[in-house]
Amino acid sequence: MHSVHTQRHPGGNFLGFPLEGFSLFQSLLLTFASAFFVFFLTTMLAIFGLLAWNLIGHHTVNYADSYLFVGLPAAVVTLLIALPLFATLWIRAKLRN
């Protein structure tokens, strides 16, 4: 019989991802990676939405609007939320050491 031992982190975890002990580089990398992911996800959904809108309604909305009006604001909002979050986790880890 094999048993799986879960590793407990003092700072907690989210979906198995530890919320403590990030270095400055890891915090910045996670911040920009999350904004990058949100930018491309929301842009993809906006392009598919515009595709359906243009095909169903015979409109001629430019697809570049999805980058400017959907992807960029979503990425900026994610960046503004993630940067203080990961900075707080990094500072809290530094203060505990």
PDB file of N, CA and C in Angstrom:
ATOM      1  N   MET A   1       0.829  -1.180   0.000  1.00  0.00           N
ATOM      2  CA  MET A   1       0.000   0.000   0.000  1.00  0.00           C
ATOM      3  C   MET A   1       0.877   1.249   0.000  1.00  0.00           C
ATOM      4  N   HIS A   2       0.533   2.141  -0.864  1.00  0.00           N
ATOM      5  CA  HIS A   2       1.223   3.414  -0.920  1.00  0.00           C
ATOM      6  C   HIS A   2       0.269   4.491  -0.427  1.00  0.00           C
ATOM      7  N   SER A   3       0.793   5.364   0.378  1.00  0.00           N
ATOM      8  CA  SER A   3      -0.040   6.478   0.831  1.00  0.00           C
ATOM      9  C   SER A   3       0.617   7.778   0.400  1.00  0.00           C
ATOM     10  N   VAL A   4      -0.216   8.712   0.102  1.00  0.00           N
ATOM     11  CA  VAL A   4       0.265  10.017  -0.336  1.00  0.00           C
ATOM     12  C   VAL A   4       0.230  10.946   0.863  1.00  0.00           C
ATOM     13  N   HIS A   5       1.380  11.503   1.173  1.00  0.00           N
ATOM     14  CA  HIS A   5       1.459  12.463   2.264  1.00  0.00           C
ATOM     15  C   HIS A   5       1.385  13.861   1.682  1.00  0.00           C
ATOM     16  N   THR A   6       0.440  14.618   2.182  1.00  0.00           N
ATOM     17  CA  THR A   6       0.322  15.986   1.704  1.00  0.00           C
ATOM     18  C   THR A   6       1.306  16.862   2.453  1.00  0.00           C
ATOM     19  N   GLN A   7       1.932  17.724   1.718  1.00  0.00           N
ATOM     20  CA  GLN A   7       2.898  18.634   2.310  1.00  0.00           C
ATOM     21  C   GLN A   7       2.173  19.909   2.728  1.00  0.00           C
ATOM     22  N   ARG A   8       2.293  20.251   3.974  1.00  0.00           N
ATOM     23  CA  ARG A   8       1.625  21.441   4.502  1.00  0.00           C
ATOM     24  C   ARG A   8       2.595  22.621   4.495  1.00  0.00           C
ATOM     25  N   HIS A   9       2.101  23.739   4.035  1.00  0.00           N
ATOM     26  CA  HIS A   9       2.891  24.961   4.030  1.00  0.00           C
ATOM     27  C   HIS A   9       2.316  25.901   5.083  1.00  0.00           C
ATOM     28  N   PRO A  10       3.163  26.550   5.858  1.00  0.00           N
ATOM     29  CA  PRO A  10       2.645  27.421   6.907  1.00  0.00           C
ATOM     30  C   PRO A  10       1.833  28.591   6.377  1.00  0.00           C
ATOM     31  N   GLY A  11       2.117  29.028   5.165  1.00  0.00           N
ATOM     32  CA  GLY A  11       1.377  30.151   4.592  1.00  0.00           C
ATOM     33  C   GLY A  11       0.125  29.726   3.861  1.00  0.00           C
ATOM     34  N   GLY A  12      -0.143  28.424   3.818  1.00  0.00           N
ATOM     35  CA  GLY A  12      -1.315  27.924   3.115  1.00  0.00           C
ATOM     36  C   GLY A  12      -0.991  27.639   1.665  1.00  0.00           C
ATOM     37  N   ASN A  13      -1.995  27.127   0.944  1.00  0.00           N
ATOM     38  CA  ASN A  13      -1.809  26.890  -0.478  1.00  0.00           C
ATOM     39  C   ASN A  13      -3.126  27.100  -1.192  1.00  0.00           C
ATOM     40  N   PHE A  14      -3.025  27.260  -2.494  1.00  0.00           N
ATOM     41  CA  PHE A  14      -4.184  27.446  -3.341  1.00  0.00           C
ATOM     42  C   PHE A  14      -4.025  26.512  -4.529  1.00  0.00           C
ATOM     43  N   LEU A  15      -4.912  25.523  -4.653  1.00  0.00           N
ATOM     44  CA  LEU A  15      -4.858  24.504  -5.694  1.00  0.00           C
ATOM     45  C   LEU A  15      -3.511  23.783  -5.703  1.00  0.00           C
ATOM     46  N   GLY A  16      -2.973  23.529  -4.502  1.00  0.00           N
ATOM     47  CA  GLY A  16      -1.701  22.846  -4.383  1.00  0.00           C
ATOM     48  C   GLY A  16      -0.494  23.728  -4.595  1.00  0.00           C
ATOM     49  N   PHE A  17      -0.707  25.007  -4.762  1.00  0.00           N
ATOM     50  CA  PHE A  17       0.348  25.973  -5.045  1.00  0.00           C
ATOM     51  C   PHE A  17       0.667  26.722  -3.755  1.00  0.00           C
ATOM     52  N   PRO A  18       1.897  26.643  -3.228  1.00  0.00           N
ATOM     53  CA  PRO A  18       2.195  27.294  -1.953  1.00  0.00           C
ATOM     54  C   PRO A  18       2.117  28.813  -2.064  1.00  0.00           C
ATOM     55  N   LEU A  19       1.550  29.424  -1.041  1.00  0.00           N
ATOM     56  CA  LEU A  19       1.384  30.875  -1.045  1.00  0.00           C
ATOM     57  C   LEU A  19       2.428  31.581  -0.190  1.00  0.00           C
ATOM     58  N   GLU A  20       3.557  30.937  -0.006  1.00  0.00           N
ATOM     59  CA  GLU A  20       4.594  31.556   0.798  1.00  0.00           C
ATOM     60  C   GLU A  20       5.956  31.156   0.271  1.00  0.00           C
ATOM     61  N   GLY A  21       6.926  32.026   0.462  1.00  0.00           N
ATOM     62  CA  GLY A  21       8.293  31.687   0.135  1.00  0.00           C
ATOM     63  C   GLY A  21       8.722  32.024  -1.274  1.00  0.00           C
ATOM     64  N   PHE A  22       8.024  32.918  -1.953  1.00  0.00           N
ATOM     65  CA  PHE A  22       8.433  33.325  -3.286  1.00  0.00           C
ATOM     66  C   PHE A  22       9.589  34.306  -3.189  1.00  0.00           C
ATOM     67  N   SER A  23      10.506  34.202  -4.132  1.00  0.00           N
ATOM     68  CA  SER A  23      11.542  35.215  -4.237  1.00  0.00           C
ATOM     69  C   SER A  23      10.962  36.396  -5.022  1.00  0.00           C
ATOM     70  N   LEU A  24      11.728  37.457  -5.103  1.00  0.00           N
ATOM     71  CA  LEU A  24      11.264  38.628  -5.850  1.00  0.00           C
ATOM     72  C   LEU A  24      11.063  38.273  -7.314  1.00  0.00           C
ATOM     73  N   PHE A  25      12.001  37.530  -7.884  1.00  0.00           N
ATOM     74  CA  PHE A  25      11.884  37.138  -9.288  1.00  0.00           C
ATOM     75  C   PHE A  25      10.658  36.261  -9.519  1.00  0.00           C
ATOM     76  N   GLN A  26      10.401  35.310  -8.631  1.00  0.00           N
ATOM     77  CA  GLN A  26       9.236  34.437  -8.779  1.00  0.00           C
ATOM     78  C   GLN A  26       7.943  35.236  -8.667  1.00  0.00           C
ATOM     79  N   SER A  27       7.908  36.201  -7.765  1.00  0.00           N
ATOM     80  CA  SER A  27       6.707  37.025  -7.611  1.00  0.00           C
ATOM     81  C   SER A  27       6.444  37.842  -8.866  1.00  0.00           C
ATOM     82  N   LEU A  28       7.482  38.452  -9.416  1.00  0.00           N
ATOM     83  CA  LEU A  28       7.304  39.235 -10.640  1.00  0.00           C
ATOM     84  C   LEU A  28       6.950  38.345 -11.822  1.00  0.00           C
ATOM     85  N   LEU A  29       7.556  37.170 -11.884  1.00  0.00           N
ATOM     86  CA  LEU A  29       7.257  36.242 -12.968  1.00  0.00           C
ATOM     87  C   LEU A  29       5.803  35.784 -12.915  1.00  0.00           C
ATOM     88  N   LEU A  30       5.311  35.454 -11.723  1.00  0.00           N
ATOM     89  CA  LEU A  30       3.912  35.042 -11.591  1.00  0.00           C
ATOM     90  C   LEU A  30       2.954  36.189 -11.901  1.00  0.00           C
ATOM     91  N   THR A  31       3.334  37.402 -11.532  1.00  0.00           N
ATOM     92  CA  THR A  31       2.495  38.559 -11.816  1.00  0.00           C
ATOM     93  C   THR A  31       2.351  38.777 -13.317  1.00  0.00           C
ATOM     94  N   PHE A  32       3.471  38.811 -14.013  1.00  0.00           N
ATOM     95  CA  PHE A  32       3.410  39.071 -15.450  1.00  0.00           C
ATOM     96  C   PHE A  32       2.881  37.874 -16.232  1.00  0.00           C
ATOM     97  N   ALA A  33       3.110  36.675 -15.739  1.00  0.00           N
ATOM     98  CA  ALA A  33       2.557  35.489 -16.403  1.00  0.00           C
ATOM     99  C   ALA A  33       1.031  35.465 -16.294  1.00  0.00           C
ATOM    100  N   SER A  34       0.508  35.875 -15.150  1.00  0.00           N
ATOM    101  CA  SER A  34      -0.952  35.900 -15.002  1.00  0.00           C
ATOM    102  C   SER A  34      -1.569  36.974 -15.901  1.00  0.00           C
ATOM    103  N   ALA A  35      -0.934  38.137 -16.010  1.00  0.00           N
ATOM    104  CA  ALA A  35      -1.442  39.182 -16.898  1.00  0.00           C
ATOM    105  C   ALA A  35      -1.349  38.744 -18.358  1.00  0.00           C
ATOM    106  N   PHE A  36      -0.268  38.078 -18.718  1.00  0.00           N
ATOM    107  CA  PHE A  36      -0.067  37.560 -20.070  1.00  0.00           C
ATOM    108  C   PHE A  36      -1.161  36.547 -20.415  1.00  0.00           C
ATOM    109  N   PHE A  37      -1.431  35.625 -19.488  1.00  0.00           N
ATOM    110  CA  PHE A  37      -2.455  34.610 -19.703  1.00  0.00           C
ATOM    111  C   PHE A  37      -3.835  35.244 -19.858  1.00  0.00           C
ATOM    112  N   VAL A  38      -4.161  36.184 -18.994  1.00  0.00           N
ATOM    113  CA  VAL A  38      -5.472  36.843 -19.057  1.00  0.00           C
ATOM    114  C   VAL A  38      -5.618  37.636 -20.347  1.00  0.00           C
ATOM    115  N   PHE A  39      -4.548  38.295 -20.781  1.00  0.00           N
ATOM    116  CA  PHE A  39      -4.601  39.057 -22.034  1.00  0.00           C
ATOM    117  C   PHE A  39      -4.978  38.150 -23.199  1.00  0.00           C
ATOM    118  N   PHE A  40      -4.279  37.030 -23.328  1.00  0.00           N
ATOM    119  CA  PHE A  40      -4.546  36.163 -24.474  1.00  0.00           C
ATOM    120  C   PHE A  40      -5.871  35.426 -24.350  1.00  0.00           C
ATOM    121  N   LEU A  41      -6.267  35.060 -23.150  1.00  0.00           N
ATOM    122  CA  LEU A  41      -7.554  34.388 -22.980  1.00  0.00           C
ATOM    123  C   LEU A  41      -8.720  35.320 -23.319  1.00  0.00           C
ATOM    124  N   THR A  42      -8.701  36.528 -22.785  1.00  0.00           N
ATOM    125  CA  THR A  42      -9.806  37.450 -23.053  1.00  0.00           C
ATOM    126  C   THR A  42      -9.802  37.923 -24.501  1.00  0.00           C
ATOM    127  N   THR A  43      -8.608  38.076 -25.088  1.00  0.00           N
ATOM    128  CA  THR A  43      -8.545  38.460 -26.499  1.00  0.00           C
ATOM    129  C   THR A  43      -9.113  37.356 -27.381  1.00  0.00           C
ATOM    130  N   MET A  44      -8.786  36.100 -27.066  1.00  0.00           N
ATOM    131  CA  MET A  44      -9.319  34.985 -27.834  1.00  0.00           C
ATOM    132  C   MET A  44     -10.849  34.945 -27.745  1.00  0.00           C
ATOM    133  N   LEU A  45     -11.371  35.091 -26.535  1.00  0.00           N
ATOM    134  CA  LEU A  45     -12.825  35.078 -26.370  1.00  0.00           C
ATOM    135  C   LEU A  45     -13.480  36.257 -27.084  1.00  0.00           C
ATOM    136  N   ALA A  46     -12.829  37.421 -27.058  1.00  0.00           N
ATOM    137  CA  ALA A  46     -13.377  38.591 -27.746  1.00  0.00           C
ATOM    138  C   ALA A  46     -13.356  38.403 -29.261  1.00  0.00           C
ATOM    139  N   ILE A  47     -12.299  37.793 -29.782  1.00  0.00           N
ATOM    140  CA  ILE A  47     -12.241  37.549 -31.228  1.00  0.00           C
ATOM    141  C   ILE A  47     -13.332  36.571 -31.652  1.00  0.00           C
ATOM    142  N   PHE A  48     -13.527  35.509 -30.871  1.00  0.00           N
ATOM    143  CA  PHE A  48     -14.614  34.574 -31.198  1.00  0.00           C
ATOM    144  C   PHE A  48     -15.979  35.246 -31.090  1.00  0.00           C
ATOM    145  N   GLY A  49     -16.131  36.114 -30.097  1.00  0.00           N
ATOM    146  CA  GLY A  49     -17.385  36.859 -29.977  1.00  0.00           C
ATOM    147  C   GLY A  49     -17.621  37.786 -31.156  1.00  0.00           C
ATOM    148  N   LEU A  50     -16.570  38.483 -31.586  1.00  0.00           N
ATOM    149  CA  LEU A  50     -16.701  39.352 -32.759  1.00  0.00           C
ATOM    150  C   LEU A  50     -16.933  38.552 -34.032  1.00  0.00           C
ATOM    151  N   LEU A  51     -16.333  37.374 -34.110  1.00  0.00           N
ATOM    152  CA  LEU A  51     -16.566  36.514 -35.271  1.00  0.00           C
ATOM    153  C   LEU A  51     -18.038  36.141 -35.364  1.00  0.00           C
ATOM    154  N   ALA A  52     -18.607  35.729 -34.237  1.00  0.00           N
ATOM    155  CA  ALA A  52     -20.036  35.385 -34.232  1.00  0.00           C
ATOM    156  C   ALA A  52     -20.893  36.617 -34.523  1.00  0.00           C
ATOM    157  N   TRP A  53     -20.531  37.751 -33.926  1.00  0.00           N
ATOM    158  CA  TRP A  53     -21.285  38.985 -34.140  1.00  0.00           C
ATOM    159  C   TRP A  53     -21.254  39.394 -35.608  1.00  0.00           C
ATOM    160  N   ASN A  54     -20.093  39.312 -36.221  1.00  0.00           N
ATOM    161  CA  ASN A  54     -19.962  39.693 -37.633  1.00  0.00           C
ATOM    162  C   ASN A  54     -20.675  38.710 -38.559  1.00  0.00           C
ATOM    163  N   LEU A  55     -20.628  37.410 -38.251  1.00  0.00           N
ATOM    164  CA  LEU A  55     -21.270  36.431 -39.117  1.00  0.00           C
ATOM    165  C   LEU A  55     -22.780  36.431 -38.980  1.00  0.00           C
ATOM    166  N   ILE A  56     -23.263  36.512 -37.748  1.00  0.00           N
ATOM    167  CA  ILE A  56     -24.708  36.439 -37.522  1.00  0.00           C
ATOM    168  C   ILE A  56     -25.402  37.733 -37.929  1.00  0.00           C
ATOM    169  N   GLY A  57     -24.809  38.865 -37.575  1.00  0.00           N
ATOM    170  CA  GLY A  57     -25.471  40.139 -37.834  1.00  0.00           C
ATOM    171  C   GLY A  57     -25.003  40.864 -39.064  1.00  0.00           C
ATOM    172  N   HIS A  58     -24.087  40.280 -39.825  1.00  0.00           N
ATOM    173  CA  HIS A  58     -23.545  40.903 -41.031  1.00  0.00           C
ATOM    174  C   HIS A  58     -22.954  42.282 -40.722  1.00  0.00           C
ATOM    175  N   HIS A  59     -22.224  42.350 -39.595  1.00  0.00           N
ATOM    176  CA  HIS A  59     -21.546  43.590 -39.211  1.00  0.00           C
ATOM    177  C   HIS A  59     -20.110  43.538 -39.714  1.00  0.00           C
ATOM    178  N   THR A  60     -19.437  44.658 -39.607  1.00  0.00           N
ATOM    179  CA  THR A  60     -18.031  44.713 -40.023  1.00  0.00           C
ATOM    180  C   THR A  60     -17.192  45.351 -38.912  1.00  0.00           C
ATOM    181  N   VAL A  61     -17.229  44.766 -37.730  1.00  0.00           N
ATOM    182  CA  VAL A  61     -16.428  45.258 -36.613  1.00  0.00           C
ATOM    183  C   VAL A  61     -14.998  44.762 -36.801  1.00  0.00           C
ATOM    184  N   ASN A  62     -14.044  45.647 -36.592  1.00  0.00           N
ATOM    185  CA  ASN A  62     -12.634  45.306 -36.765  1.00  0.00           C
ATOM    186  C   ASN A  62     -12.181  44.402 -35.622  1.00  0.00           C
ATOM    187  N   TYR A  63     -11.455  43.330 -35.956  1.00  0.00           N
ATOM    188  CA  TYR A  63     -10.989  42.389 -34.940  1.00  0.00           C
ATOM    189  C   TYR A  63      -9.898  42.976 -34.054  1.00  0.00           C
ATOM    190  N   ALA A  64      -9.220  44.004 -34.522  1.00  0.00           N
ATOM    191  CA  ALA A  64      -8.188  44.651 -33.711  1.00  0.00           C
ATOM    192  C   ALA A  64      -8.784  45.341 -32.486  1.00  0.00           C
ATOM    193  N   ASP A  65     -10.070  45.614 -32.511  1.00  0.00           N
ATOM    194  CA  ASP A  65     -10.730  46.204 -31.342  1.00  0.00           C
ATOM    195  C   ASP A  65     -10.707  45.262 -30.150  1.00  0.00           C
ATOM    196  N   SER A  66     -10.642  43.959 -30.414  1.00  0.00           N
ATOM    197  CA  SER A  66     -10.621  43.009 -29.304  1.00  0.00           C
ATOM    198  C   SER A  66      -9.336  43.148 -28.488  1.00  0.00           C
ATOM    199  N   TYR A  67      -8.222  43.480 -29.129  1.00  0.00           N
ATOM    200  CA  TYR A  67      -6.969  43.686 -28.405  1.00  0.00           C
ATOM    201  C   TYR A  67      -7.043  44.946 -27.555  1.00  0.00           C
ATOM    202  N   LEU A  68      -7.519  46.010 -28.170  1.00  0.00           N
ATOM    203  CA  LEU A  68      -7.487  47.320 -27.526  1.00  0.00           C
ATOM    204  C   LEU A  68      -8.555  47.478 -26.448  1.00  0.00           C
ATOM    205  N   PHE A  69      -9.750  46.994 -26.705  1.00  0.00           N
ATOM    206  CA  PHE A  69     -10.861  47.260 -25.794  1.00  0.00           C
ATOM    207  C   PHE A  69     -11.185  46.114 -24.841  1.00  0.00           C
ATOM    208  N   VAL A  70     -10.620  44.931 -25.056  1.00  0.00           N
ATOM    209  CA  VAL A  70     -10.895  43.797 -24.175  1.00  0.00           C
ATOM    210  C   VAL A  70      -9.603  43.251 -23.564  1.00  0.00           C
ATOM    211  N   GLY A  71      -8.654  42.852 -24.394  1.00  0.00           N
ATOM    212  CA  GLY A  71      -7.439  42.207 -23.909  1.00  0.00           C
ATOM    213  C   GLY A  71      -6.566  43.107 -23.060  1.00  0.00           C
ATOM    214  N   LEU A  72      -6.295  44.303 -23.549  1.00  0.00           N
ATOM    215  CA  LEU A  72      -5.425  45.226 -22.815  1.00  0.00           C
ATOM    216  C   LEU A  72      -6.010  45.657 -21.475  1.00  0.00           C
ATOM    217  N   PRO A  73      -7.276  46.087 -21.398  1.00  0.00           N
ATOM    218  CA  PRO A  73      -7.816  46.434 -20.073  1.00  0.00           C
ATOM    219  C   PRO A  73      -7.851  45.255 -19.102  1.00  0.00           C
ATOM    220  N   ALA A  74      -8.157  44.068 -19.599  1.00  0.00           N
ATOM    221  CA  ALA A  74      -8.183  42.899 -18.712  1.00  0.00           C
ATOM    222  C   ALA A  74      -6.789  42.597 -18.176  1.00  0.00           C
ATOM    223  N   ALA A  75      -5.767  42.719 -19.020  1.00  0.00           N
ATOM    224  CA  ALA A  75      -4.395  42.469 -18.580  1.00  0.00           C
ATOM    225  C   ALA A  75      -3.928  43.527 -17.583  1.00  0.00           C
ATOM    226  N   VAL A  76      -4.304  44.765 -17.805  1.00  0.00           N
ATOM    227  CA  VAL A  76      -3.909  45.834 -16.882  1.00  0.00           C
ATOM    228  C   VAL A  76      -4.588  45.650 -15.525  1.00  0.00           C
ATOM    229  N   VAL A  77      -5.852  45.286 -15.520  1.00  0.00           N
ATOM    230  CA  VAL A  77      -6.558  45.040 -14.259  1.00  0.00           C
ATOM    231  C   VAL A  77      -5.924  43.854 -13.529  1.00  0.00           C
ATOM    232  N   THR A  78      -5.605  42.802 -14.256  1.00  0.00           N
ATOM    233  CA  THR A  78      -4.949  41.645 -13.639  1.00  0.00           C
ATOM    234  C   THR A  78      -3.600  42.034 -13.070  1.00  0.00           C
ATOM    235  N   LEU A  79      -2.858  42.847 -13.795  1.00  0.00           N
ATOM    236  CA  LEU A  79      -1.555  43.307 -13.323  1.00  0.00           C
ATOM    237  C   LEU A  79      -1.703  44.149 -12.061  1.00  0.00           C
ATOM    238  N   LEU A  80      -2.705  45.006 -12.026  1.00  0.00           N
ATOM    239  CA  LEU A  80      -2.930  45.858 -10.852  1.00  0.00           C
ATOM    240  C   LEU A  80      -3.394  45.061  -9.632  1.00  0.00           C
ATOM    241  N   ILE A  81      -4.016  43.920  -9.847  1.00  0.00           N
ATOM    242  CA  ILE A  81      -4.435  43.074  -8.728  1.00  0.00           C
ATOM    243  C   ILE A  81      -3.305  42.141  -8.302  1.00  0.00           C
ATOM    244  N   ALA A  82      -2.621  41.542  -9.271  1.00  0.00           N
ATOM    245  CA  ALA A  82      -1.600  40.541  -8.961  1.00  0.00           C
ATOM    246  C   ALA A  82      -0.329  41.150  -8.381  1.00  0.00           C
ATOM    247  N   LEU A  83       0.042  42.341  -8.820  1.00  0.00           N
ATOM    248  CA  LEU A  83       1.286  42.940  -8.332  1.00  0.00           C
ATOM    249  C   LEU A  83       1.259  43.200  -6.833  1.00  0.00           C
ATOM    250  N   PRO A  84       0.224  43.843  -6.271  1.00  0.00           N
ATOM    251  CA  PRO A  84       0.202  43.992  -4.811  1.00  0.00           C
ATOM    252  C   PRO A  84       0.045  42.660  -4.076  1.00  0.00           C
ATOM    253  N   LEU A  85      -0.686  41.723  -4.669  1.00  0.00           N
ATOM    254  CA  LEU A  85      -0.873  40.424  -4.025  1.00  0.00           C
ATOM    255  C   LEU A  85       0.458  39.693  -3.870  1.00  0.00           C
ATOM    256  N   PHE A  86       1.199  39.551  -4.950  1.00  0.00           N
ATOM    257  CA  PHE A  86       2.466  38.834  -4.885  1.00  0.00           C
ATOM    258  C   PHE A  86       3.536  39.640  -4.149  1.00  0.00           C
ATOM    259  N   ALA A  87       3.460  40.959  -4.205  1.00  0.00           N
ATOM    260  CA  ALA A  87       4.402  41.778  -3.429  1.00  0.00           C
ATOM    261  C   ALA A  87       4.147  41.597  -1.937  1.00  0.00           C
ATOM    262  N   THR A  88       2.896  41.517  -1.540  1.00  0.00           N
ATOM    263  CA  THR A  88       2.560  41.292  -0.136  1.00  0.00           C
ATOM    264  C   THR A  88       3.040  39.923   0.334  1.00  0.00           C
ATOM    265  N   LEU A  89       2.847  38.906  -0.498  1.00  0.00           N
ATOM    266  CA  LEU A  89       3.330  37.572  -0.142  1.00  0.00           C
ATOM    267  C   LEU A  89       4.851  37.546  -0.021  1.00  0.00           C
ATOM    268  N   TRP A  90       5.541  38.258  -0.902  1.00  0.00           N
ATOM    269  CA  TRP A  90       7.002  38.297  -0.855  1.00  0.00           C
ATOM    270  C   TRP A  90       7.489  39.044   0.383  1.00  0.00           C
ATOM    271  N   ILE A  91       6.872  40.177   0.691  1.00  0.00           N
ATOM    272  CA  ILE A  91       7.273  40.967   1.866  1.00  0.00           C
ATOM    273  C   ILE A  91       6.975  40.190   3.138  1.00  0.00           C
ATOM    274  N   ARG A  92       5.824  39.519   3.195  1.00  0.00           N
ATOM    275  CA  ARG A  92       5.479  38.736   4.378  1.00  0.00           C
ATOM    276  C   ARG A  92       6.477  37.590   4.606  1.00  0.00           C
ATOM    277  N   ALA A  93       6.915  36.962   3.520  1.00  0.00           N
ATOM    278  CA  ALA A  93       7.911  35.891   3.632  1.00  0.00           C
ATOM    279  C   ALA A  93       9.263  36.440   4.089  1.00  0.00           C
ATOM    280  N   LYS A  94       9.614  37.643   3.622  1.00  0.00           N
ATOM    281  CA  LYS A  94      10.876  38.259   4.034  1.00  0.00           C
ATOM    282  C   LYS A  94      10.847  38.642   5.506  1.00  0.00           C
ATOM    283  N   LEU A  95       9.718  39.104   5.990  1.00  0.00           N
ATOM    284  CA  LEU A  95       9.605  39.507   7.381  1.00  0.00           C
ATOM    285  C   LEU A  95       9.632  38.311   8.338  1.00  0.00           C
ATOM    286  N   ARG A  96       9.153  37.159   7.886  1.00  0.00           N
ATOM    287  CA  ARG A  96       9.163  35.959   8.734  1.00  0.00           C
ATOM    288  C   ARG A  96      10.553  35.366   8.857  1.00  0.00           C
ATOM    289  N   ASN A  97      11.403  35.614   7.870  1.00  0.00           N
ATOM    290  CA  ASN A  97      12.777  35.064   7.918  1.00  0.00           C
ATOM    291  C   ASN A  97      13.656  35.942   8.681  1.00  0.00           C
TER     292      ASN A  97
END
